Amino acid sequence: MSAAAPRLPALLEALGQRAPRGMVLGLDRVREALAALGDPHAGLAAVHVAGTNGKGSVCAMVESIAREAGLRTGLYTSPHLSRFAERIRIGGEMIGDAALEAALSAALERVPSPLTFFEALTVAAFVAFRDAGVDLAILEVGLGGRLDATNVIAAPLCTAITSIAFDHEALLGPTLADIAREKAGILKPGAPAVLGPLDPEADAAIEAAAQAVGAGPRVRVARAEHGGRAGEIAVGRAGSAGPGARATRVAGPARSAIEVELGLRGAHQAENAGVACGVAWQLAGRWPDIERALPAGLAAARWPGRLERLDAGGAQVLLDCAHNPHGAQALAAWLDEEGPGAARTALVFGAMADKGWGEMLQMLAPRAQRRFYVTPQGRAAAPLEALREVAPGEPIGDPGAAVAGAIEGAAPGELVVVTGSIYLVGEVRSALLGITPDPVVTL
C-alpha cells in the first residue's frame, strides 16, 4: 500500500462489507449518488458492452485498440480475480492506490444513501475516469443490462451485445428472449449497436427492442463459413492458418478485409474480435487513428484467466473462467483443437451450485484423464459427490491441494486445466503468481 493512500485499507474493508447485500438491480440509487458528486459520467465518451459470455474479452480488445491509437482509456470490468483495483483500469494499468482511495472515498462517504458493492465500485469508476481525464471509457455490464448500475450512461458512442445464453435466469428470465430483452436495455437512441452471433429468438428480441428505442444502425457478426447477409461483419480463420493458429480474417461492411493475429486464445475469440472491430469502426469516425490501430491492438489484447497458461512446478496450468455451459463449450472446443489430448490432460473443476455444472462437466470430463473436484470460495458450491456422479474423479475440496496434486502427478507435456468458476480461477491464479488477494466477493 502506498504512503499516499493511508485510508485505502479501511475503505476497501467498508466496500467489502457491502457485498452481503447482494445484487440489487436498479438505477435510482446510482443516479442519486452521481448527482451528489457532480455527475462525473455526464459527457463521458463511452462504449457499453453486454452479453452472457465474451463481453470482458471484447472490452479488453476495444480498450487495447483505443490505447494503441493514442487514446487515454478507462476500462471498467467485473468481477476481479485477485484485487478490487483490477476492475478499474486507466491507460491499461490497474488504478493506483491514491486514485482508488479518492474514488472510493467519494462513492462511500459523499453520497446520500448507501450503495451496494457493485454500485459503489461503478460510481467510483466514473469518478476515477473523470479525475484521470480519460478520452474513452469502456464499460462492461455487470449483470443483464437494463437495470445494471452501468446503464446510467445515456448516450454511449457505441453499444455491443456479444452473446445470449442461459445464465442468471432467476433475475433475467427463463427464455433466451427474456434474457435478450434485459441485455438490450443498454441500447440507446441513435447509438449504433454491434451484435455477436445470436440465436434467432434472441436476435428477434433485440431487434424489436432496438426499433422501440430508436437505436442506431445494427451491425451483426457472423462466421464466414455460415455465409452472411449484406451489412454483416464476417469472421473466420485467415488464409491457410492451421489448427491452433490465432490468425483471423475480419471483413466489415464497406471495408476491406483485414487479417489479424489475436492476442487471446480460442476459436471463439474470432467472433469477439469481430464485435470489437465493429465497435472500433464506429469509433473511427471520431478518432481516425483507430482504424490503423486495429491489428496491433487486437494482437496486444490480454484478458487474465481466459485460456491463460502459467508455468507451475514444471507443469503447464491452463486457467479458464468458463462458469456456465456456453463457456464450457468454448473451452471444450479449444481442448479438442489445441489441447494435448485427454490422455495428457488433468481437470481441476469446481462450480457454483446455481450454475449448470452438470452440463459443464459432461462436456469437459471426457477431455481429461485425471479429474479433481474442488469447492471454490464464496456462495454454495456444487457438492463434490454430485460431481463424481457425473464423472469419476477425486473429491479433494481444497483448490490449492487439488492443483498441487494435479501438478505433482503430471507427466511431461501434461496440461492441468482449472475451470468451472471465476472465483476458483481467481483463487488459484493468485496462489500461483504469489498475489495477496482481496476478500472474495460473490454476487
Protein backbone atom coordinates (compact mmCIF):
# COMPACT_ATOMS: atom_id res chain seq x y z
CA MET A 1 0.00 0.00 0.00
CA SER A 2 1.50 3.33 -0.98
CA ALA A 3 2.12 6.03 1.60
CA ALA A 4 -0.09 8.32 -0.47
CA ALA A 5 -3.18 6.23 0.29
CA PRO A 6 -3.28 5.68 4.07
CA ARG A 7 -7.09 5.33 4.18
CA LEU A 8 -7.38 2.79 1.39
CA PRO A 9 -7.39 -0.37 3.59
CA ALA A 10 -10.30 0.97 5.65
CA LEU A 11 -12.19 1.99 2.52
CA LEU A 12 -11.69 -1.44 0.93
CA GLU A 13 -12.93 -3.08 4.12
CA ALA A 14 -16.00 -0.83 4.11
CA LEU A 15 -16.58 -1.69 0.45
CA GLY A 16 -16.35 -5.41 1.15
CA GLN A 17 -18.87 -5.11 3.98
CA ARG A 18 -21.47 -4.09 1.39
CA ALA A 19 -21.17 -7.36 -0.52
CA PRO A 20 -23.60 -9.32 1.70
CA ARG A 21 -26.40 -7.04 0.44
CA GLY A 22 -26.00 -8.95 -2.81
CA MET A 23 -27.29 -7.74 -6.17
CA VAL A 24 -29.94 -5.04 -6.01
CA LEU A 25 -30.83 -4.09 -9.57
CA GLY A 26 -31.97 -0.55 -10.35
CA LEU A 27 -30.61 2.83 -11.36
CA ASP A 28 -32.13 5.35 -8.93
CA ARG A 29 -29.52 4.97 -6.18
CA VAL A 30 -26.64 5.27 -8.64
CA ARG A 31 -28.13 8.33 -10.33
CA GLU A 32 -28.67 9.99 -6.96
CA ALA A 33 -25.09 9.24 -5.91
CA LEU A 34 -23.63 10.52 -9.17
CA ALA A 35 -25.69 13.71 -8.93
CA ALA A 36 -24.24 14.34 -5.48
CA LEU A 37 -20.75 14.05 -6.98
CA GLY A 38 -21.37 16.42 -9.88
CA ASP A 39 -22.40 13.74 -12.40
CA PRO A 40 -18.90 12.53 -13.30
CA HIS A 41 -20.39 10.29 -16.00
CA ALA A 42 -22.06 13.16 -17.85
CA GLY A 43 -20.46 13.78 -21.22
CA LEU A 44 -18.18 10.76 -20.86
CA ALA A 45 -17.30 9.23 -24.24
CA ALA A 46 -18.14 5.60 -23.64
CA VAL A 47 -18.61 2.16 -25.17
CA HIS A 48 -21.10 -0.06 -23.34
CA VAL A 49 -20.84 -3.86 -23.69
CA ALA A 50 -23.31 -6.54 -22.52
CA GLY A 51 -23.56 -10.28 -23.16
CA THR A 52 -23.69 -13.64 -21.43
CA ASN A 53 -20.12 -14.55 -22.40
CA GLY A 54 -17.39 -12.70 -24.26
CA LYS A 55 -18.11 -9.19 -23.01
CA GLY A 56 -14.91 -8.99 -20.97
CA SER A 57 -12.82 -10.14 -23.92
CA VAL A 58 -14.48 -7.62 -26.23
CA CYS A 59 -13.90 -4.84 -23.70
CA ALA A 60 -10.23 -5.82 -23.42
CA MET A 61 -9.86 -5.80 -27.22
CA VAL A 62 -11.59 -2.43 -27.69
CA GLU A 63 -9.52 -0.90 -24.90
CA SER A 64 -6.29 -2.23 -26.39
CA ILE A 65 -7.19 -0.89 -29.85
CA ALA A 66 -8.10 2.55 -28.47
CA ARG A 67 -4.91 2.74 -26.43
CA GLU A 68 -2.84 1.70 -29.45
CA ALA A 69 -4.49 4.63 -31.29
CA GLY A 70 -3.15 7.01 -28.65
CA LEU A 71 -6.30 7.47 -26.57
CA ARG A 72 -6.24 7.67 -22.80
CA THR A 73 -8.57 4.84 -21.84
CA GLY A 74 -10.66 3.87 -18.86
CA LEU A 75 -11.78 0.24 -18.52
CA TYR A 76 -14.41 -0.92 -16.04
CA THR A 77 -14.99 -4.69 -15.74
CA SER A 78 -16.14 -7.27 -13.23
CA PRO A 79 -15.54 -9.41 -11.32
CA HIS A 80 -11.92 -9.20 -10.23
CA LEU A 81 -9.65 -12.21 -9.94
CA SER A 82 -7.35 -11.05 -7.14
CA ARG A 83 -7.74 -7.36 -6.28
CA PHE A 84 -10.67 -4.94 -6.33
CA ALA A 85 -8.47 -2.48 -8.23
CA GLU A 86 -8.46 -4.80 -11.28
CA ARG A 87 -11.99 -3.60 -12.03
CA ILE A 88 -10.89 -0.02 -12.78
CA ARG A 89 -8.03 0.49 -15.23
CA ILE A 90 -6.58 3.72 -16.52
CA GLY A 91 -4.40 3.63 -19.62
CA GLY A 92 -4.18 -0.15 -19.47
CA GLU A 93 -2.97 -0.23 -15.85
CA MET A 94 -4.79 -1.10 -12.65
CA ILE A 95 -5.88 2.07 -10.88
CA GLY A 96 -3.25 3.35 -8.44
CA ASP A 97 -3.81 3.37 -4.69
CA ALA A 98 -4.14 7.14 -4.32
CA ALA A 99 -6.64 7.41 -7.18
CA LEU A 100 -8.62 4.43 -5.87
CA GLU A 101 -8.70 5.97 -2.40
CA ALA A 102 -10.07 9.24 -3.77
CA ALA A 103 -12.70 7.49 -5.90
CA LEU A 104 -13.85 5.13 -3.15
CA SER A 105 -13.96 7.93 -0.62
CA ALA A 106 -16.36 9.79 -2.89
CA ALA A 107 -18.54 6.73 -3.56
CA LEU A 108 -18.70 5.55 0.04
CA GLU A 109 -18.72 8.78 2.05
CA ARG A 110 -20.09 11.64 -0.06
CA VAL A 111 -23.35 10.20 -1.36
CA PRO A 112 -26.81 10.47 0.20
CA SER A 113 -27.68 6.76 0.53
CA PRO A 114 -25.68 3.54 0.97
CA LEU A 115 -24.86 1.83 -2.30
CA THR A 116 -24.38 -1.86 -2.90
CA PHE A 117 -20.87 -3.22 -3.50
CA PHE A 118 -21.23 -3.11 -7.29
CA GLU A 119 -22.97 0.26 -7.30
CA ALA A 120 -20.22 1.80 -5.19
CA LEU A 121 -17.49 0.49 -7.48
CA THR A 122 -19.39 1.71 -10.53
CA VAL A 123 -19.70 5.21 -9.08
CA ALA A 124 -16.01 5.07 -8.09
CA ALA A 125 -15.11 4.13 -11.67
CA PHE A 126 -16.93 7.16 -13.07
CA VAL A 127 -15.19 9.42 -10.54
CA ALA A 128 -11.81 7.88 -11.41
CA PHE A 129 -12.38 8.30 -15.15
CA ARG A 130 -13.34 11.95 -14.70
CA ASP A 131 -10.35 12.65 -12.46
CA ALA A 132 -7.99 10.90 -14.88
CA GLY A 133 -9.37 12.77 -17.88
CA VAL A 134 -9.88 9.66 -19.99
CA ASP A 135 -10.70 10.09 -23.68
CA LEU A 136 -12.77 6.92 -23.86
CA ALA A 137 -14.34 4.68 -21.22
CA ILE A 138 -15.14 1.05 -22.00
CA LEU A 139 -17.84 -0.24 -19.64
CA GLU A 140 -18.70 -3.89 -19.12
CA VAL A 141 -22.20 -4.60 -17.85
CA GLY A 142 -22.18 -6.44 -14.53
CA LEU A 143 -25.48 -8.31 -14.86
CA GLY A 144 -28.16 -8.09 -17.51
CA GLY A 145 -28.17 -4.55 -18.82
CA ARG A 146 -31.47 -2.70 -18.38
CA LEU A 147 -31.14 -2.30 -14.60
CA ASP A 148 -27.37 -2.70 -14.29
CA ALA A 149 -25.62 0.18 -12.50
CA THR A 150 -23.51 0.91 -15.59
CA ASN A 151 -26.66 1.73 -17.56
CA VAL A 152 -26.74 5.32 -16.29
CA ILE A 153 -24.75 6.16 -19.46
CA ALA A 154 -27.35 7.99 -21.53
CA ALA A 155 -25.54 8.49 -24.84
CA PRO A 156 -22.81 5.90 -25.49
CA LEU A 157 -20.80 6.25 -28.68
CA CYS A 158 -21.49 2.59 -29.38
CA THR A 159 -23.10 -0.39 -27.67
CA ALA A 160 -22.42 -4.10 -28.14
CA ILE A 161 -24.10 -7.37 -27.16
CA THR A 162 -21.67 -10.25 -27.54
CA SER A 163 -23.80 -13.35 -26.93
CA ILE A 164 -27.04 -14.54 -25.36
CA ALA A 165 -27.14 -17.83 -23.46
CA PHE A 166 -28.82 -19.20 -20.36
CA ASP A 167 -27.39 -17.73 -17.15
CA HIS A 168 -28.91 -15.89 -14.17
CA GLU A 169 -32.39 -16.98 -15.27
CA ALA A 170 -33.85 -16.18 -11.83
CA LEU A 171 -33.03 -12.50 -12.41
CA LEU A 172 -33.14 -12.16 -16.17
CA GLY A 173 -35.95 -14.53 -17.15
CA PRO A 174 -36.43 -18.15 -18.21
CA THR A 175 -36.15 -17.80 -22.01
CA LEU A 176 -33.48 -16.55 -24.38
CA ALA A 177 -35.87 -13.80 -25.48
CA ASP A 178 -36.32 -12.67 -21.86
CA ILE A 179 -32.55 -12.59 -21.30
CA ALA A 180 -32.02 -10.78 -24.60
CA ARG A 181 -34.56 -8.10 -23.72
CA GLU A 182 -32.79 -7.40 -20.42
CA LYS A 183 -29.42 -7.08 -22.15
CA ALA A 184 -30.96 -4.94 -24.89
CA GLY A 185 -31.74 -2.41 -22.18
CA ILE A 186 -28.33 -0.83 -22.87
CA LEU A 187 -29.39 0.18 -26.40
CA LYS A 188 -29.86 3.93 -26.69
CA PRO A 189 -31.49 6.30 -29.20
CA GLY A 190 -29.18 6.90 -32.14
CA ALA A 191 -26.29 4.85 -30.72
CA PRO A 192 -25.03 2.13 -33.11
CA ALA A 193 -25.08 -1.43 -31.83
CA VAL A 194 -22.76 -4.32 -32.73
CA LEU A 195 -24.23 -7.77 -32.16
CA GLY A 196 -22.32 -11.02 -31.91
CA PRO A 197 -23.72 -14.25 -33.40
CA LEU A 198 -27.12 -14.76 -31.76
CA ASP A 199 -29.82 -17.40 -31.66
CA PRO A 200 -32.76 -16.26 -33.86
CA GLU A 201 -35.03 -15.95 -30.82
CA ALA A 202 -32.56 -13.65 -29.04
CA ASP A 203 -31.81 -11.68 -32.21
CA ALA A 204 -35.51 -11.01 -32.83
CA ALA A 205 -35.99 -9.78 -29.26
CA ILE A 206 -33.01 -7.44 -29.51
CA GLU A 207 -34.11 -6.12 -32.89
CA ALA A 208 -37.57 -5.33 -31.51
CA ALA A 209 -36.01 -3.52 -28.54
CA ALA A 210 -33.67 -1.59 -30.84
CA GLN A 211 -36.53 -0.41 -33.00
CA ALA A 212 -38.61 0.57 -29.97
CA VAL A 213 -35.85 2.77 -28.52
CA GLY A 214 -34.66 4.16 -31.85
CA ALA A 215 -31.17 2.70 -31.58
CA GLY A 216 -28.67 3.48 -34.30
CA PRO A 217 -27.73 1.02 -37.03
CA ARG A 218 -27.23 -2.60 -36.01
CA VAL A 219 -24.17 -4.42 -37.32
CA ARG A 220 -24.12 -8.19 -36.85
CA VAL A 221 -21.16 -10.56 -36.69
CA ALA A 222 -21.31 -13.94 -38.43
CA ARG A 223 -18.91 -16.79 -39.11
CA ALA A 224 -17.75 -16.56 -42.72
CA GLU A 225 -18.36 -20.28 -43.26
CA HIS A 226 -22.01 -19.78 -42.35
CA GLY A 227 -22.50 -17.32 -45.18
CA GLY A 228 -23.74 -13.87 -44.36
CA ARG A 229 -26.01 -11.03 -45.22
CA ALA A 230 -25.20 -7.60 -46.54
CA GLY A 231 -24.04 -5.33 -43.75
CA GLU A 232 -22.65 -8.12 -41.59
CA ILE A 233 -19.11 -8.49 -40.26
CA ALA A 234 -17.75 -11.85 -41.38
CA VAL A 235 -15.05 -13.56 -39.32
CA GLY A 236 -13.06 -16.72 -39.92
CA ARG A 237 -9.64 -18.29 -39.94
CA ALA A 238 -7.19 -16.35 -42.03
CA GLY A 239 -5.68 -17.80 -45.19
CA SER A 240 -4.09 -21.18 -44.64
CA ALA A 241 -3.90 -20.87 -40.86
CA GLY A 242 -3.96 -24.35 -39.36
CA PRO A 243 -5.26 -25.70 -36.05
CA GLY A 244 -4.14 -23.64 -33.08
CA ALA A 245 -3.42 -20.54 -35.14
CA ARG A 246 -4.84 -17.24 -33.94
CA ALA A 247 -4.73 -15.55 -37.34
CA THR A 248 -8.22 -14.27 -38.05
CA ARG A 249 -9.82 -12.64 -41.06
CA VAL A 250 -12.38 -9.92 -40.40
CA ALA A 251 -14.40 -8.40 -43.25
CA GLY A 252 -16.58 -5.46 -42.39
CA PRO A 253 -19.37 -3.74 -44.32
CA ALA A 254 -17.91 -1.44 -46.98
CA ARG A 255 -14.39 -2.15 -45.68
CA SER A 256 -11.52 -4.20 -46.99
CA ALA A 257 -10.95 -7.43 -45.12
CA ILE A 258 -8.11 -7.41 -42.60
CA GLU A 259 -6.07 -10.33 -41.31
CA VAL A 260 -5.07 -10.03 -37.67
CA GLU A 261 -3.24 -12.16 -35.12
CA LEU A 262 -5.29 -12.27 -31.93
CA GLY A 263 -3.67 -11.97 -28.54
CA LEU A 264 -6.44 -14.03 -26.95
CA ARG A 265 -6.67 -17.80 -27.37
CA GLY A 266 -9.62 -19.82 -28.61
CA ALA A 267 -11.60 -20.10 -31.83
CA HIS A 268 -14.48 -18.25 -30.16
CA GLN A 269 -12.28 -15.15 -29.91
CA ALA A 270 -12.70 -14.64 -33.66
CA GLU A 271 -16.32 -13.73 -33.02
CA ASN A 272 -15.33 -11.46 -30.14
CA ALA A 273 -12.76 -9.84 -32.41
CA GLY A 274 -15.49 -9.25 -34.98
CA VAL A 275 -17.55 -7.43 -32.36
CA ALA A 276 -14.50 -5.43 -31.24
CA CYS A 277 -13.76 -4.46 -34.84
CA GLY A 278 -17.36 -3.41 -35.33
CA VAL A 279 -17.12 -1.14 -32.30
CA ALA A 280 -13.73 0.21 -33.39
CA TRP A 281 -15.02 1.04 -36.88
CA GLN A 282 -17.82 3.05 -35.30
CA LEU A 283 -15.30 4.92 -33.14
CA ALA A 284 -13.02 5.58 -36.13
CA GLY A 285 -15.44 8.24 -37.33
CA ARG A 286 -14.38 10.28 -34.31
CA TRP A 287 -10.79 9.05 -33.96
CA PRO A 288 -9.46 8.01 -37.42
CA ASP A 289 -6.26 6.52 -35.96
CA ILE A 290 -8.33 3.67 -34.51
CA GLU A 291 -8.55 2.10 -37.98
CA ARG A 292 -4.76 1.93 -38.21
CA ALA A 293 -4.51 0.61 -34.65
CA LEU A 294 -6.77 -2.41 -35.18
CA PRO A 295 -4.16 -5.12 -35.93
CA ALA A 296 -1.70 -4.09 -33.23
CA GLY A 297 -4.46 -3.54 -30.67
CA LEU A 298 -6.01 -6.97 -31.23
CA ALA A 299 -2.59 -8.64 -31.06
CA ALA A 300 -1.73 -6.89 -27.80
CA ALA A 301 -5.04 -7.55 -26.02
CA ARG A 302 -4.82 -9.64 -22.86
CA TRP A 303 -7.57 -10.88 -20.57
CA PRO A 304 -6.31 -12.80 -17.49
CA GLY A 305 -7.94 -16.06 -16.58
CA ARG A 306 -9.28 -16.75 -20.05
CA LEU A 307 -7.38 -19.66 -21.61
CA GLU A 308 -4.36 -18.30 -19.75
CA ARG A 309 -1.30 -20.53 -19.48
CA LEU A 310 1.00 -20.38 -16.46
CA ASP A 311 4.17 -22.36 -15.74
CA ALA A 312 3.91 -24.05 -12.35
CA GLY A 313 6.39 -26.52 -10.95
CA GLY A 314 7.41 -27.81 -14.35
CA ALA A 315 3.81 -28.30 -15.45
CA GLN A 316 1.60 -26.13 -17.61
CA VAL A 317 -1.56 -24.85 -15.93
CA LEU A 318 -4.41 -23.54 -18.07
CA LEU A 319 -6.81 -21.17 -16.28
CA ASP A 320 -10.22 -20.54 -17.82
CA CYS A 321 -13.15 -18.69 -16.30
CA ALA A 322 -15.81 -20.82 -18.03
CA HIS A 323 -18.62 -20.78 -15.47
CA ASN A 324 -21.67 -21.76 -17.50
CA PRO A 325 -22.39 -24.29 -20.27
CA HIS A 326 -21.80 -21.77 -23.05
CA GLY A 327 -18.32 -21.03 -21.66
CA ALA A 328 -17.58 -24.71 -21.11
CA GLN A 329 -18.47 -25.40 -24.74
CA ALA A 330 -15.85 -22.87 -25.87
CA LEU A 331 -13.24 -24.42 -23.56
CA ALA A 332 -14.08 -27.93 -24.81
CA ALA A 333 -13.64 -26.75 -28.39
CA TRP A 334 -10.22 -25.31 -27.51
CA LEU A 335 -9.17 -28.57 -25.85
CA ASP A 336 -10.22 -30.52 -28.93
CA GLU A 337 -8.31 -28.26 -31.31
CA GLU A 338 -5.29 -27.08 -29.33
CA GLY A 339 -5.11 -29.27 -26.22
CA PRO A 340 -2.70 -32.18 -25.75
CA GLY A 341 -5.48 -34.79 -25.78
CA ALA A 342 -7.48 -36.37 -22.97
CA ALA A 343 -4.69 -38.78 -22.03
CA ARG A 344 -2.42 -35.85 -21.19
CA THR A 345 -4.95 -33.53 -19.55
CA ALA A 346 -5.89 -33.20 -15.87
CA LEU A 347 -9.03 -31.31 -14.87
CA VAL A 348 -9.48 -29.36 -11.63
CA PHE A 349 -13.18 -28.47 -11.55
CA GLY A 350 -15.42 -26.63 -9.12
CA ALA A 351 -18.57 -24.63 -9.76
CA MET A 352 -21.27 -22.66 -8.01
CA ALA A 353 -24.36 -24.73 -7.20
CA ASP A 354 -26.64 -22.34 -9.09
CA LYS A 355 -24.78 -22.81 -12.37
CA GLY A 356 -25.25 -25.56 -14.96
CA TRP A 357 -22.37 -27.56 -13.52
CA GLY A 358 -23.70 -30.95 -14.61
CA GLU A 359 -23.87 -29.93 -18.26
CA MET A 360 -20.48 -28.23 -17.98
CA LEU A 361 -18.82 -31.30 -16.52
CA GLN A 362 -20.41 -33.60 -19.10
CA MET A 363 -18.64 -31.55 -21.77
CA LEU A 364 -15.27 -31.28 -20.03
CA ALA A 365 -14.83 -34.61 -18.22
CA PRO A 366 -14.29 -36.74 -21.38
CA ARG A 367 -11.45 -34.42 -22.32
CA ALA A 368 -9.35 -35.25 -19.23
CA GLN A 369 -7.89 -38.49 -17.94
CA ARG A 370 -7.47 -37.29 -14.35
CA ARG A 371 -10.17 -35.25 -12.58
CA PHE A 372 -10.08 -33.43 -9.26
CA TYR A 373 -13.20 -31.89 -7.76
CA VAL A 374 -12.97 -28.84 -5.52
CA THR A 375 -15.08 -26.36 -3.56
CA PRO A 376 -14.47 -22.76 -4.66
CA GLN A 377 -14.72 -19.96 -2.13
CA GLY A 378 -17.87 -17.88 -1.98
CA ARG A 379 -21.50 -18.92 -2.06
CA ALA A 380 -22.76 -22.52 -2.13
CA ALA A 381 -20.73 -24.74 -4.45
CA ALA A 382 -21.74 -27.85 -6.36
CA PRO A 383 -21.40 -30.85 -3.98
CA LEU A 384 -18.30 -32.94 -4.58
CA GLU A 385 -20.19 -36.23 -4.53
CA ALA A 386 -22.67 -34.87 -7.07
CA LEU A 387 -19.77 -34.04 -9.37
CA ARG A 388 -18.47 -37.60 -9.00
CA GLU A 389 -21.87 -38.91 -10.07
CA VAL A 390 -21.49 -37.04 -13.36
CA ALA A 391 -17.96 -38.34 -13.99
CA PRO A 392 -15.49 -40.28 -11.81
CA GLY A 393 -12.93 -38.09 -10.12
CA GLU A 394 -11.11 -37.40 -6.86
CA PRO A 395 -13.04 -35.17 -4.40
CA ILE A 396 -10.33 -33.08 -2.75
CA GLY A 397 -12.25 -29.95 -1.81
CA ASP A 398 -9.36 -27.54 -1.28
CA PRO A 399 -8.37 -25.99 -4.65
CA GLY A 400 -4.75 -25.47 -3.66
CA ALA A 401 -4.32 -29.11 -2.65
CA ALA A 402 -6.04 -30.28 -5.82
CA VAL A 403 -3.85 -28.17 -8.11
CA ALA A 404 -0.73 -29.26 -6.22
CA GLY A 405 -1.75 -32.90 -6.60
CA ALA A 406 -2.51 -32.47 -10.27
CA ILE A 407 0.86 -30.82 -10.87
CA GLU A 408 2.76 -33.39 -8.82
CA GLY A 409 1.29 -36.27 -10.79
CA ALA A 410 1.61 -34.60 -14.18
CA ALA A 411 3.57 -36.40 -16.86
CA PRO A 412 5.82 -34.41 -19.21
CA GLY A 413 3.68 -32.33 -21.54
CA GLU A 414 0.54 -32.82 -19.47
CA LEU A 415 -1.83 -29.86 -19.11
CA VAL A 416 -3.63 -29.06 -15.85
CA VAL A 417 -6.91 -27.28 -16.62
CA VAL A 418 -8.52 -25.24 -13.82
CA THR A 419 -12.08 -24.15 -14.56
CA GLY A 420 -15.75 -24.08 -13.57
CA SER A 421 -15.86 -20.86 -11.55
CA ILE A 422 -14.37 -17.39 -11.84
CA TYR A 423 -13.78 -17.46 -8.09
CA LEU A 424 -11.86 -20.74 -8.41
CA VAL A 425 -9.67 -19.33 -11.17
CA GLY A 426 -9.02 -16.18 -9.13
CA GLU A 427 -8.01 -18.18 -6.07
CA VAL A 428 -5.67 -20.49 -7.98
CA ARG A 429 -4.19 -17.69 -10.09
CA SER A 430 -3.43 -15.60 -7.00
CA ALA A 431 -1.66 -18.54 -5.36
CA LEU A 432 0.38 -19.44 -8.46
CA LEU A 433 1.50 -15.83 -9.01
CA GLY A 434 2.08 -15.02 -5.34
CA ILE A 435 -0.59 -12.31 -5.25
CA THR A 436 -2.21 -11.50 -1.91
CA PRO A 437 -5.89 -11.37 -2.86
CA ASP A 438 -8.60 -9.10 -1.58
CA PRO A 439 -11.56 -10.90 0.03
CA VAL A 440 -13.73 -12.95 -2.29
CA VAL A 441 -16.95 -11.17 -3.25
CA THR A 442 -19.63 -13.46 -4.67
CA LEU A 443 -22.62 -11.73 -6.26
